[in-house]
Amino acid sequence: MRIYTTARLVLRPLQEGDRALFEYLYGDAGVMEHVARPLSSAGVERAFAAALPSLPGADCRHAFFSVAEAAGQNAFGLAGLQSIDRTRGCAEAGILLPAERQSCGYGKEILRKLTEIAFDSFGLDEVYVQYRRAHERAEQLVVSVGFSALPETADPAPPPWRTWRMRRAPG
């Protein structure tokens, strides 16, 4: 997998040296508040082993990246495309940033780059994002990047997640 850049950031394939960052972010209750329960040490080990890069190809199901400022070398966040489904032409995008790096515009930059990677590098037609309903900043982020909400059902007990998607522009 290759390294991707934005105006301020570098997204490089996850590697063994990112283990401590992965453990911190996936184990931190504040970071994971709107994602899932923080992982145990054993859970982190399993998830990290599964997240390490696979060769891009027809069977590639995920692409995880560490995120660093272009001016520095130390990674501070994680981003990725998971559940890559080439038959349906879609993948789920996700971002984990520590509290001090949230609300700095990084999420917007990263999500734009992830959709570009999905469309241009993986040839997908749709990227979707899921987050807990209570996560207002996530909704602001996906709206600012141009995602559209999937229609809600009339379920009296709606699921705890909202799903938004962006489709590749025709042509």
C-alpha atoms as a PDB file:
ATOM      1  CA  MET A   1       0.000   0.000   0.000  1.00  0.00           C
ATOM      2  CA  ARG A   2       1.174   3.493  -0.630  1.00  0.00           C
ATOM      3  CA  ILE A   3       1.476   6.638   1.474  1.00  0.00           C
ATOM      4  CA  TYR A   4      -1.175   9.325   0.990  1.00  0.00           C
ATOM      5  CA  THR A   5      -0.928  13.010   1.837  1.00  0.00           C
ATOM      6  CA  THR A   6      -3.244  15.958   2.390  1.00  0.00           C
ATOM      7  CA  ALA A   7      -2.325  19.610   2.868  1.00  0.00           C
ATOM      8  CA  ARG A   8      -1.344  18.990   6.500  1.00  0.00           C
ATOM      9  CA  LEU A   9      -1.258  15.234   7.001  1.00  0.00           C
ATOM     10  CA  VAL A  10       0.395  11.975   5.993  1.00  0.00           C
ATOM     11  CA  LEU A  11      -1.555   8.707   5.993  1.00  0.00           C
ATOM     12  CA  ARG A  12       0.762   5.732   5.822  1.00  0.00           C
ATOM     13  CA  PRO A  13      -0.098   2.043   6.021  1.00  0.00           C
ATOM     14  CA  LEU A  14      -0.326   0.737   9.557  1.00  0.00           C
ATOM     15  CA  GLN A  15       2.879  -0.995  10.635  1.00  0.00           C
ATOM     16  CA  GLU A  16       4.287  -2.810  13.642  1.00  0.00           C
ATOM     17  CA  GLY A  17       5.662   0.454  15.064  1.00  0.00           C
ATOM     18  CA  ASP A  18       2.082   1.767  15.439  1.00  0.00           C
ATOM     19  CA  ARG A  19       1.159  -0.850  18.061  1.00  0.00           C
ATOM     20  CA  ALA A  20       1.387   1.551  21.060  1.00  0.00           C
ATOM     21  CA  LEU A  21      -0.753   4.192  19.298  1.00  0.00           C
ATOM     22  CA  PHE A  22      -3.292   1.531  18.319  1.00  0.00           C
ATOM     23  CA  GLU A  23      -3.423   0.249  21.901  1.00  0.00           C
ATOM     24  CA  TYR A  24      -3.824   3.760  23.306  1.00  0.00           C
ATOM     25  CA  LEU A  25      -6.619   4.823  20.939  1.00  0.00           C
ATOM     26  CA  TYR A  26      -8.594   1.577  21.003  1.00  0.00           C
ATOM     27  CA  GLY A  27      -8.195   1.294  24.762  1.00  0.00           C
ATOM     28  CA  ASP A  28      -9.114   4.885  25.662  1.00  0.00           C
ATOM     29  CA  ALA A  29     -12.698   5.296  26.901  1.00  0.00           C
ATOM     30  CA  GLY A  30     -12.870   8.924  25.746  1.00  0.00           C
ATOM     31  CA  VAL A  31     -11.728   8.159  22.206  1.00  0.00           C
ATOM     32  CA  MET A  32     -13.998   5.113  21.966  1.00  0.00           C
ATOM     33  CA  GLU A  33     -17.049   6.805  23.535  1.00  0.00           C
ATOM     34  CA  HIS A  34     -18.998   7.026  20.269  1.00  0.00           C
ATOM     35  CA  VAL A  35     -17.421   4.018  18.562  1.00  0.00           C
ATOM     36  CA  ALA A  36     -17.571   0.935  20.748  1.00  0.00           C
ATOM     37  CA  ARG A  37     -16.449  -0.337  24.110  1.00  0.00           C
ATOM     38  CA  PRO A  38     -12.693   0.168  24.641  1.00  0.00           C
ATOM     39  CA  LEU A  39     -10.726  -2.974  23.891  1.00  0.00           C
ATOM     40  CA  SER A  40      -8.935  -5.073  26.474  1.00  0.00           C
ATOM     41  CA  SER A  41      -5.228  -5.773  25.989  1.00  0.00           C
ATOM     42  CA  ALA A  42      -6.071  -9.132  24.428  1.00  0.00           C
ATOM     43  CA  GLY A  43      -8.674  -7.472  22.213  1.00  0.00           C
ATOM     44  CA  VAL A  44      -6.150  -4.866  21.099  1.00  0.00           C
ATOM     45  CA  GLU A  45      -3.659  -7.614  20.168  1.00  0.00           C
ATOM     46  CA  ARG A  46      -6.241  -9.437  18.052  1.00  0.00           C
ATOM     47  CA  ALA A  47      -7.488  -6.256  16.401  1.00  0.00           C
ATOM     48  CA  PHE A  48      -3.977  -4.982  15.690  1.00  0.00           C
ATOM     49  CA  ALA A  49      -2.908  -8.267  14.086  1.00  0.00           C
ATOM     50  CA  ALA A  50      -6.042  -8.194  11.919  1.00  0.00           C
ATOM     51  CA  ALA A  51      -5.508  -4.531  10.971  1.00  0.00           C
ATOM     52  CA  LEU A  52      -1.950  -4.877   9.700  1.00  0.00           C
ATOM     53  CA  PRO A  53      -1.866  -4.336   5.960  1.00  0.00           C
ATOM     54  CA  SER A  54      -2.819  -6.994   3.536  1.00  0.00           C
ATOM     55  CA  LEU A  55      -1.750  -6.784  -0.058  1.00  0.00           C
ATOM     56  CA  PRO A  56      -4.098  -4.653  -2.138  1.00  0.00           C
ATOM     57  CA  GLY A  57      -6.003  -6.912  -4.433  1.00  0.00           C
ATOM     58  CA  ALA A  58      -9.325  -8.528  -5.047  1.00  0.00           C
ATOM     59  CA  ASP A  59      -9.431 -10.060  -1.563  1.00  0.00           C
ATOM     60  CA  CYS A  60      -8.275  -6.974   0.363  1.00  0.00           C
ATOM     61  CA  ARG A  61     -10.963  -6.327   3.017  1.00  0.00           C
ATOM     62  CA  HIS A  62      -9.365  -3.377   4.821  1.00  0.00           C
ATOM     63  CA  ALA A  63      -6.782  -0.619   4.620  1.00  0.00           C
ATOM     64  CA  PHE A  64      -5.674   0.962   7.901  1.00  0.00           C
ATOM     65  CA  PHE A  65      -3.416   3.983   8.176  1.00  0.00           C
ATOM     66  CA  SER A  66      -1.605   5.863  10.892  1.00  0.00           C
ATOM     67  CA  VAL A  67      -2.048   9.634  10.670  1.00  0.00           C
ATOM     68  CA  ALA A  68       0.738  12.168  11.304  1.00  0.00           C
ATOM     69  CA  GLU A  69       1.235  15.835  10.605  1.00  0.00           C
ATOM     70  CA  ALA A  70       3.209  16.320   7.398  1.00  0.00           C
ATOM     71  CA  ALA A  71       5.707  18.492   9.279  1.00  0.00           C
ATOM     72  CA  GLY A  72       6.337  15.804  11.909  1.00  0.00           C
ATOM     73  CA  GLN A  73       6.943  12.090  12.024  1.00  0.00           C
ATOM     74  CA  ASN A  74       4.964  11.010  15.095  1.00  0.00           C
ATOM     75  CA  ALA A  75       1.620   9.468  14.307  1.00  0.00           C
ATOM     76  CA  PHE A  76      -1.274  10.693  16.455  1.00  0.00           C
ATOM     77  CA  GLY A  77      -4.335   9.061  14.885  1.00  0.00           C
ATOM     78  CA  LEU A  78      -5.682   6.118  12.958  1.00  0.00           C
ATOM     79  CA  ALA A  79      -7.898   5.996   9.885  1.00  0.00           C
ATOM     80  CA  GLY A  80      -9.089   3.294   7.622  1.00  0.00           C
ATOM     81  CA  LEU A  81     -11.396   1.649   5.192  1.00  0.00           C
ATOM     82  CA  GLN A  82     -12.890  -1.585   6.424  1.00  0.00           C
ATOM     83  CA  SER A  83     -15.498  -4.056   5.274  1.00  0.00           C
ATOM     84  CA  ILE A  84     -14.314  -3.411   1.722  1.00  0.00           C
ATOM     85  CA  ASP A  85     -16.828  -5.177  -0.471  1.00  0.00           C
ATOM     86  CA  ARG A  86     -15.821  -5.134  -4.120  1.00  0.00           C
ATOM     87  CA  THR A  87     -18.994  -6.963  -5.175  1.00  0.00           C
ATOM     88  CA  ARG A  88     -21.181  -4.179  -3.771  1.00  0.00           C
ATOM     89  CA  GLY A  89     -18.503  -1.523  -4.465  1.00  0.00           C
ATOM     90  CA  CYS A  90     -18.454  -0.071  -0.952  1.00  0.00           C
ATOM     91  CA  ALA A  91     -16.443   0.271   2.260  1.00  0.00           C
ATOM     92  CA  GLU A  92     -16.846   1.783   5.696  1.00  0.00           C
ATOM     93  CA  ALA A  93     -14.565   4.684   6.638  1.00  0.00           C
ATOM     94  CA  GLY A  94     -13.420   5.250  10.192  1.00  0.00           C
ATOM     95  CA  ILE A  95     -11.199   7.669  12.097  1.00  0.00           C
ATOM     96  CA  LEU A  96      -9.818   7.587  15.649  1.00  0.00           C
ATOM     97  CA  LEU A  97      -8.237  10.762  17.008  1.00  0.00           C
ATOM     98  CA  PRO A  98      -7.229  11.647  20.559  1.00  0.00           C
ATOM     99  CA  ALA A  99      -9.272  14.428  22.194  1.00  0.00           C
ATOM    100  CA  GLU A 100      -6.558  17.062  21.721  1.00  0.00           C
ATOM    101  CA  ARG A 101      -6.581  16.471  17.940  1.00  0.00           C
ATOM    102  CA  GLN A 102     -10.350  16.606  17.522  1.00  0.00           C
ATOM    103  CA  SER A 103     -12.090  19.782  16.331  1.00  0.00           C
ATOM    104  CA  CYS A 104      -8.946  20.876  14.461  1.00  0.00           C
ATOM    105  CA  GLY A 105     -10.217  20.075  10.968  1.00  0.00           C
ATOM    106  CA  TYR A 106      -8.176  16.870  10.789  1.00  0.00           C
ATOM    107  CA  GLY A 107     -11.276  14.674  10.617  1.00  0.00           C
ATOM    108  CA  LYS A 108     -12.533  16.509   7.549  1.00  0.00           C
ATOM    109  CA  GLU A 109      -9.149  16.242   5.830  1.00  0.00           C
ATOM    110  CA  ILE A 110      -8.846  12.547   6.659  1.00  0.00           C
ATOM    111  CA  LEU A 111     -12.408  11.643   5.619  1.00  0.00           C
ATOM    112  CA  ARG A 112     -11.978  13.416   2.288  1.00  0.00           C
ATOM    113  CA  LYS A 113      -8.746  11.501   1.696  1.00  0.00           C
ATOM    114  CA  LEU A 114     -10.334   8.172   2.677  1.00  0.00           C
ATOM    115  CA  THR A 115     -13.147   8.682   0.149  1.00  0.00           C
ATOM    116  CA  GLU A 116     -10.573   9.581  -2.502  1.00  0.00           C
ATOM    117  CA  ILE A 117      -8.593   6.406  -1.695  1.00  0.00           C
ATOM    118  CA  ALA A 118     -11.774   4.299  -1.837  1.00  0.00           C
ATOM    119  CA  PHE A 119     -12.827   5.723  -5.194  1.00  0.00           C
ATOM    120  CA  ASP A 120      -9.466   6.131  -6.931  1.00  0.00           C
ATOM    121  CA  SER A 121      -7.252   3.399  -5.457  1.00  0.00           C
ATOM    122  CA  PHE A 122      -9.832   0.705  -4.730  1.00  0.00           C
ATOM    123  CA  GLY A 123     -12.299   1.530  -7.510  1.00  0.00           C
ATOM    124  CA  LEU A 124     -15.260   1.582  -5.121  1.00  0.00           C
ATOM    125  CA  ASP A 125     -18.481   3.479  -5.761  1.00  0.00           C
ATOM    126  CA  GLU A 126     -19.613   4.205  -2.200  1.00  0.00           C
ATOM    127  CA  VAL A 127     -18.132   4.997   1.198  1.00  0.00           C
ATOM    128  CA  TYR A 128     -20.253   4.896   4.305  1.00  0.00           C
ATOM    129  CA  VAL A 129     -19.768   6.063   7.880  1.00  0.00           C
ATOM    130  CA  GLN A 130     -21.609   4.807  10.953  1.00  0.00           C
ATOM    131  CA  TYR A 131     -21.620   6.503  14.341  1.00  0.00           C
ATOM    132  CA  ARG A 132     -23.689   6.588  17.483  1.00  0.00           C
ATOM    133  CA  ARG A 133     -26.655   8.928  17.299  1.00  0.00           C
ATOM    134  CA  ALA A 134     -25.419  10.987  20.234  1.00  0.00           C
ATOM    135  CA  HIS A 135     -22.213  11.974  18.406  1.00  0.00           C
ATOM    136  CA  GLU A 136     -23.145  15.417  17.076  1.00  0.00           C
ATOM    137  CA  ARG A 137     -19.632  16.283  15.907  1.00  0.00           C
ATOM    138  CA  ALA A 138     -19.582  13.184  13.684  1.00  0.00           C
ATOM    139  CA  GLU A 139     -22.764  14.361  12.014  1.00  0.00           C
ATOM    140  CA  GLN A 140     -21.289  17.814  11.445  1.00  0.00           C
ATOM    141  CA  LEU A 141     -18.200  16.176   9.953  1.00  0.00           C
ATOM    142  CA  VAL A 142     -19.992  13.927   7.468  1.00  0.00           C
ATOM    143  CA  VAL A 143     -22.308  16.746   6.383  1.00  0.00           C
ATOM    144  CA  SER A 144     -19.326  19.072   5.836  1.00  0.00           C
ATOM    145  CA  VAL A 145     -17.643  16.503   3.581  1.00  0.00           C
ATOM    146  CA  GLY A 146     -20.806  15.878   1.538  1.00  0.00           C
ATOM    147  CA  PHE A 147     -22.167  12.592   2.870  1.00  0.00           C
ATOM    148  CA  SER A 148     -25.912  11.953   2.742  1.00  0.00           C
ATOM    149  CA  ALA A 149     -27.929  10.287   5.488  1.00  0.00           C
ATOM    150  CA  LEU A 150     -29.513   6.966   4.717  1.00  0.00           C
ATOM    151  CA  PRO A 151     -33.277   7.133   5.145  1.00  0.00           C
ATOM    152  CA  GLU A 152     -34.550   6.350   8.622  1.00  0.00           C
ATOM    153  CA  THR A 153     -37.126   3.631   9.128  1.00  0.00           C
ATOM    154  CA  ALA A 154     -40.334   4.133  11.088  1.00  0.00           C
ATOM    155  CA  ASP A 155     -39.015   1.741  13.727  1.00  0.00           C
ATOM    156  CA  PRO A 156     -40.313   2.767  17.177  1.00  0.00           C
ATOM    157  CA  ALA A 157     -36.936   1.705  18.612  1.00  0.00           C
ATOM    158  CA  PRO A 158     -34.393   3.027  16.098  1.00  0.00           C
ATOM    159  CA  PRO A 159     -30.917   1.481  16.107  1.00  0.00           C
ATOM    160  CA  PRO A 160     -28.256   3.333  18.116  1.00  0.00           C
ATOM    161  CA  TRP A 161     -26.308   4.059  14.906  1.00  0.00           C
ATOM    162  CA  ARG A 162     -26.742   6.542  12.088  1.00  0.00           C
ATOM    163  CA  THR A 163     -25.376   5.664   8.672  1.00  0.00           C
ATOM    164  CA  TRP A 164     -24.272   8.206   6.068  1.00  0.00           C
ATOM    165  CA  ARG A 165     -22.834   7.582   2.636  1.00  0.00           C
ATOM    166  CA  MET A 166     -21.047   9.261  -0.212  1.00  0.00           C
ATOM    167  CA  ARG A 167     -21.280   7.944  -3.725  1.00  0.00           C
ATOM    168  CA  ARG A 168     -18.699   8.414  -6.430  1.00  0.00           C
ATOM    169  CA  ALA A 169     -19.625  11.217  -8.794  1.00  0.00           C
ATOM    170  CA  PRO A 170     -20.850   9.892 -12.142  1.00  0.00           C
ATOM    171  CA  GLY A 171     -18.449  10.018 -15.028  1.00  0.00           C
END
